[in-house]
C-alpha atoms as a PDB file:
ATOM      1  CA  UNK A   1     171.731 135.715 115.283  1.00  0.00           C
ATOM      2  CA  UNK A   2     174.710 137.713 116.532  1.00  0.00           C
ATOM      3  CA  UNK A   3     174.107 141.283 117.609  1.00  0.00           C
ATOM      4  CA  UNK A   4     175.979 144.081 115.833  1.00  0.00           C
ATOM      5  CA  UNK A   5     177.759 146.857 117.719  1.00  0.00           C
ATOM      6  CA  UNK A   6     178.961 150.075 116.068  1.00  0.00           C
ATOM      7  CA  UNK A   7     182.191 151.192 117.740  1.00  0.00           C
ATOM      8  CA  UNK A   8     182.934 154.900 117.276  1.00  0.00           C
ATOM      9  CA  UNK A   9     186.514 155.559 118.365  1.00  0.00           C
ATOM     10  CA  UNK A  10     189.351 157.565 116.821  1.00  0.00           C
ATOM     11  CA  UNK A  11     192.202 156.158 118.949  1.00  0.00           C
ATOM     12  CA  UNK A  12     193.496 152.947 117.257  1.00  0.00           C
ATOM     13  CA  UNK A  13     194.491 151.191 120.503  1.00  0.00           C
ATOM     14  CA  UNK A  14     191.136 151.879 122.142  1.00  0.00           C
ATOM     15  CA  UNK A  15     189.314 150.775 118.994  1.00  0.00           C
ATOM     16  CA  UNK A  16     191.266 147.518 118.924  1.00  0.00           C
ATOM     17  CA  UNK A  17     190.567 146.843 122.612  1.00  0.00           C
ATOM     18  CA  UNK A  18     186.821 147.400 122.279  1.00  0.00           C
ATOM     19  CA  UNK A  19     186.653 145.431 119.037  1.00  0.00           C
ATOM     20  CA  UNK A  20     188.592 142.518 120.588  1.00  0.00           C
ATOM     21  CA  UNK A  21     186.201 142.509 123.556  1.00  0.00           C
ATOM     22  CA  UNK A  22     183.206 142.433 121.236  1.00  0.00           C
ATOM     23  CA  UNK A  23     184.686 139.441 119.382  1.00  0.00           C
ATOM     24  CA  UNK A  24     185.298 137.649 122.693  1.00  0.00           C
ATOM     25  CA  UNK A  25     181.686 138.385 123.732  1.00  0.00           C
ATOM     26  CA  UNK A  26     180.614 137.031 120.309  1.00  0.00           C
ATOM     27  CA  UNK A  27     179.174 140.214 118.810  1.00  0.00           C
ATOM     28  CA  UNK A  28     179.623 141.487 115.268  1.00  0.00           C
ATOM     29  CA  UNK A  29     181.193 144.924 114.939  1.00  0.00           C
ATOM     30  CA  UNK A  30     181.255 147.898 112.629  1.00  0.00           C
ATOM     31  CA  UNK A  31     183.677 150.807 113.070  1.00  0.00           C
ATOM     32  CA  UNK A  32     183.680 154.572 112.692  1.00  0.00           C
ATOM     33  CA  UNK A  33     186.496 157.020 113.496  1.00  0.00           C
ATOM     34  CA  UNK A  34     184.383 160.196 113.885  1.00  0.00           C
ATOM     35  CA  UNK A  35     180.877 161.189 114.849  1.00  0.00           C
ATOM     36  CA  UNK A  36     180.185 162.217 111.253  1.00  0.00           C
ATOM     37  CA  UNK A  37     181.237 158.793 109.977  1.00  0.00           C
ATOM     38  CA  UNK A  38     179.039 157.136 112.631  1.00  0.00           C
ATOM     39  CA  UNK A  39     176.017 159.105 111.417  1.00  0.00           C
ATOM     40  CA  UNK A  40     176.556 157.946 107.819  1.00  0.00           C
ATOM     41  CA  UNK A  41     176.990 154.322 108.901  1.00  0.00           C
ATOM     42  CA  UNK A  42     173.859 154.415 111.057  1.00  0.00           C
ATOM     43  CA  UNK A  43     171.785 156.076 108.333  1.00  0.00           C
ATOM     44  CA  UNK A  44     172.737 153.234 105.972  1.00  0.00           C
ATOM     45  CA  UNK A  45     172.652 150.345 108.479  1.00  0.00           C
ATOM     46  CA  UNK A  46     170.104 151.308 111.161  1.00  0.00           C
ATOM     47  CA  UNK A  47     168.189 148.047 110.671  1.00  0.00           C
ATOM     48  CA  UNK A  48     171.201 145.903 111.533  1.00  0.00           C
ATOM     49  CA  UNK A  49     172.943 147.856 114.319  1.00  0.00           C
ATOM     50  CA  UNK A  50     171.808 146.950 117.827  1.00  0.00           C
ATOM     51  CA  UNK A  51     174.016 149.214 119.950  1.00  0.00           C
ATOM     52  CA  UNK A  52     176.504 152.075 119.555  1.00  0.00           C
ATOM     53  CA  UNK A  53     179.596 152.584 121.727  1.00  0.00           C
ATOM     54  CA  UNK A  54     180.785 156.151 121.117  1.00  0.00           C
ATOM     55  CA  UNK A  55     183.879 158.019 122.225  1.00  0.00           C
ATOM     56  CA  UNK A  56     183.319 161.625 123.267  1.00  0.00           C
ATOM     57  CA  UNK A  57     186.463 163.419 122.079  1.00  0.00           C
ATOM     58  CA  UNK A  58     187.032 162.836 118.366  1.00  0.00           C
ATOM     59  CA  UNK A  59     188.141 164.929 115.401  1.00  0.00           C
ATOM     60  CA  UNK A  60     185.690 166.280 112.791  1.00  0.00           C
ATOM     61  CA  UNK A  61     182.617 165.736 115.022  1.00  0.00           C
ATOM     62  CA  UNK A  62     182.656 164.826 118.692  1.00  0.00           C
ATOM     63  CA  UNK A  63     180.381 162.291 120.339  1.00  0.00           C
ATOM     64  CA  UNK A  64     178.149 164.888 122.030  1.00  0.00           C
ATOM     65  CA  UNK A  65     177.292 166.522 118.708  1.00  0.00           C
ATOM     66  CA  UNK A  66     176.811 163.176 116.960  1.00  0.00           C
ATOM     67  CA  UNK A  67     174.453 161.767 119.599  1.00  0.00           C
ATOM     68  CA  UNK A  68     172.251 164.858 119.425  1.00  0.00           C
ATOM     69  CA  UNK A  69     171.933 164.480 115.643  1.00  0.00           C
ATOM     70  CA  UNK A  70     171.300 160.735 115.888  1.00  0.00           C
ATOM     71  CA  UNK A  71     168.590 161.063 118.542  1.00  0.00           C
ATOM     72  CA  UNK A  72     166.685 163.464 116.243  1.00  0.00           C
ATOM     73  CA  UNK A  73     166.511 160.807 113.506  1.00  0.00           C
ATOM     74  CA  UNK A  74     163.277 158.788 113.774  1.00  0.00           C
ATOM     75  CA  UNK A  75     164.851 155.676 112.240  1.00  0.00           C
ATOM     76  CA  UNK A  76     167.882 155.723 114.554  1.00  0.00           C
ATOM     77  CA  UNK A  77     166.773 157.231 117.868  1.00  0.00           C
ATOM     78  CA  UNK A  78     165.663 153.866 119.315  1.00  0.00           C
ATOM     79  CA  UNK A  79     169.192 152.409 119.048  1.00  0.00           C
ATOM     80  CA  UNK A  80     170.970 152.668 122.423  1.00  0.00           C
ATOM     81  CA  UNK A  81     174.103 154.814 122.366  1.00  0.00           C
ATOM     82  CA  UNK A  82     176.606 154.444 125.180  1.00  0.00           C
ATOM     83  CA  UNK A  83     179.360 157.003 125.716  1.00  0.00           C
ATOM     84  CA  UNK A  84     182.910 155.706 126.132  1.00  0.00           C
ATOM     85  CA  UNK A  85     184.972 158.328 127.872  1.00  0.00           C
ATOM     86  CA  UNK A  86     188.074 158.991 129.886  1.00  0.00           C
ATOM     87  CA  UNK A  87     186.435 162.213 131.099  1.00  0.00           C
ATOM     88  CA  UNK A  88     184.613 160.465 133.941  1.00  0.00           C
ATOM     89  CA  UNK A  89     183.978 163.196 136.488  1.00  0.00           C
ATOM     90  CA  UNK A  90     181.408 163.037 139.272  1.00  0.00           C
ATOM     91  CA  UNK A  91     178.548 164.670 137.331  1.00  0.00           C
ATOM     92  CA  UNK A  92     179.400 163.266 133.880  1.00  0.00           C
ATOM     93  CA  UNK A  93     176.721 160.564 133.800  1.00  0.00           C
ATOM     94  CA  UNK A  94     173.974 163.188 134.152  1.00  0.00           C
ATOM     95  CA  UNK A  95     175.676 165.368 131.517  1.00  0.00           C
ATOM     96  CA  UNK A  96     175.865 162.476 129.035  1.00  0.00           C
ATOM     97  CA  UNK A  97     172.271 161.363 129.661  1.00  0.00           C
ATOM     98  CA  UNK A  98     171.059 164.947 129.190  1.00  0.00           C
ATOM     99  CA  UNK A  99     173.010 165.126 125.914  1.00  0.00           C
ATOM    100  CA  UNK A 100     171.149 162.058 124.581  1.00  0.00           C
ATOM    101  CA  UNK A 101     173.323 159.089 125.535  1.00  0.00           C
ATOM    102  CA  UNK A 102     171.581 156.123 127.126  1.00  0.00           C
ATOM    103  CA  UNK A 103     174.498 155.424 129.473  1.00  0.00           C
ATOM    104  CA  UNK A 104     178.250 155.756 129.734  1.00  0.00           C
ATOM    105  CA  UNK A 105     181.283 153.585 130.398  1.00  0.00           C
ATOM    106  CA  UNK A 106     184.470 155.163 131.669  1.00  0.00           C
ATOM    107  CA  UNK A 107     187.954 154.469 130.396  1.00  0.00           C
ATOM    108  CA  UNK A 108     190.086 152.656 131.259  1.00  0.00           C
ATOM    109  CA  UNK A 109     187.515 149.935 130.741  1.00  0.00           C
ATOM    110  CA  UNK A 110     186.629 147.554 133.562  1.00  0.00           C
ATOM    111  CA  UNK A 111     185.891 144.425 131.523  1.00  0.00           C
ATOM    112  CA  UNK A 112     183.215 143.017 133.857  1.00  0.00           C
ATOM    113  CA  UNK A 113     181.356 146.331 134.089  1.00  0.00           C
ATOM    114  CA  UNK A 114     181.733 146.833 130.337  1.00  0.00           C
ATOM    115  CA  UNK A 115     180.264 143.412 129.526  1.00  0.00           C
ATOM    116  CA  UNK A 116     177.371 143.918 131.944  1.00  0.00           C
ATOM    117  CA  UNK A 117     176.381 147.323 130.550  1.00  0.00           C
ATOM    118  CA  UNK A 118     176.607 146.136 126.933  1.00  0.00           C
ATOM    119  CA  UNK A 119     174.674 142.914 127.551  1.00  0.00           C
ATOM    120  CA  UNK A 120     172.006 144.742 129.608  1.00  0.00           C
ATOM    121  CA  UNK A 121     171.283 147.106 126.715  1.00  0.00           C
ATOM    122  CA  UNK A 122     171.237 144.296 124.177  1.00  0.00           C
ATOM    123  CA  UNK A 123     168.832 142.300 126.382  1.00  0.00           C
ATOM    124  CA  UNK A 124     166.499 145.315 126.496  1.00  0.00           C
ATOM    125  CA  UNK A 125     166.589 145.524 122.707  1.00  0.00           C
ATOM    126  CA  UNK A 126     165.502 141.875 122.464  1.00  0.00           C
ATOM    127  CA  UNK A 127     162.502 142.450 124.731  1.00  0.00           C
ATOM    128  CA  UNK A 128     161.285 145.613 122.924  1.00  0.00           C
END
């Protein structure tokens, strides 16, 4: 059965790129444009979503706020959430992990690194 990835991204071009990559890697996708929308989708679909790829800077609710809310939800907190960000500074990985993300991928996306991180987290979900 194909794995389902929730892509949380407000920028249409970035959303299309990530979605196209997920199709190439043979994953199903769902989409949200804000952190608030992602929370609603996860609350209603937590049994079918295997991984979340979340942008940091978004309108309405940013990724940092959304991940903190999601990790407090008992039904959702086990789903890996990976930050997608162009804000990749030296200490950002620690900042994102401390905020509740499981990992992060910097933009622009390196396709090989992107595929490896995504598949590693999905493999872990299979073995849990």
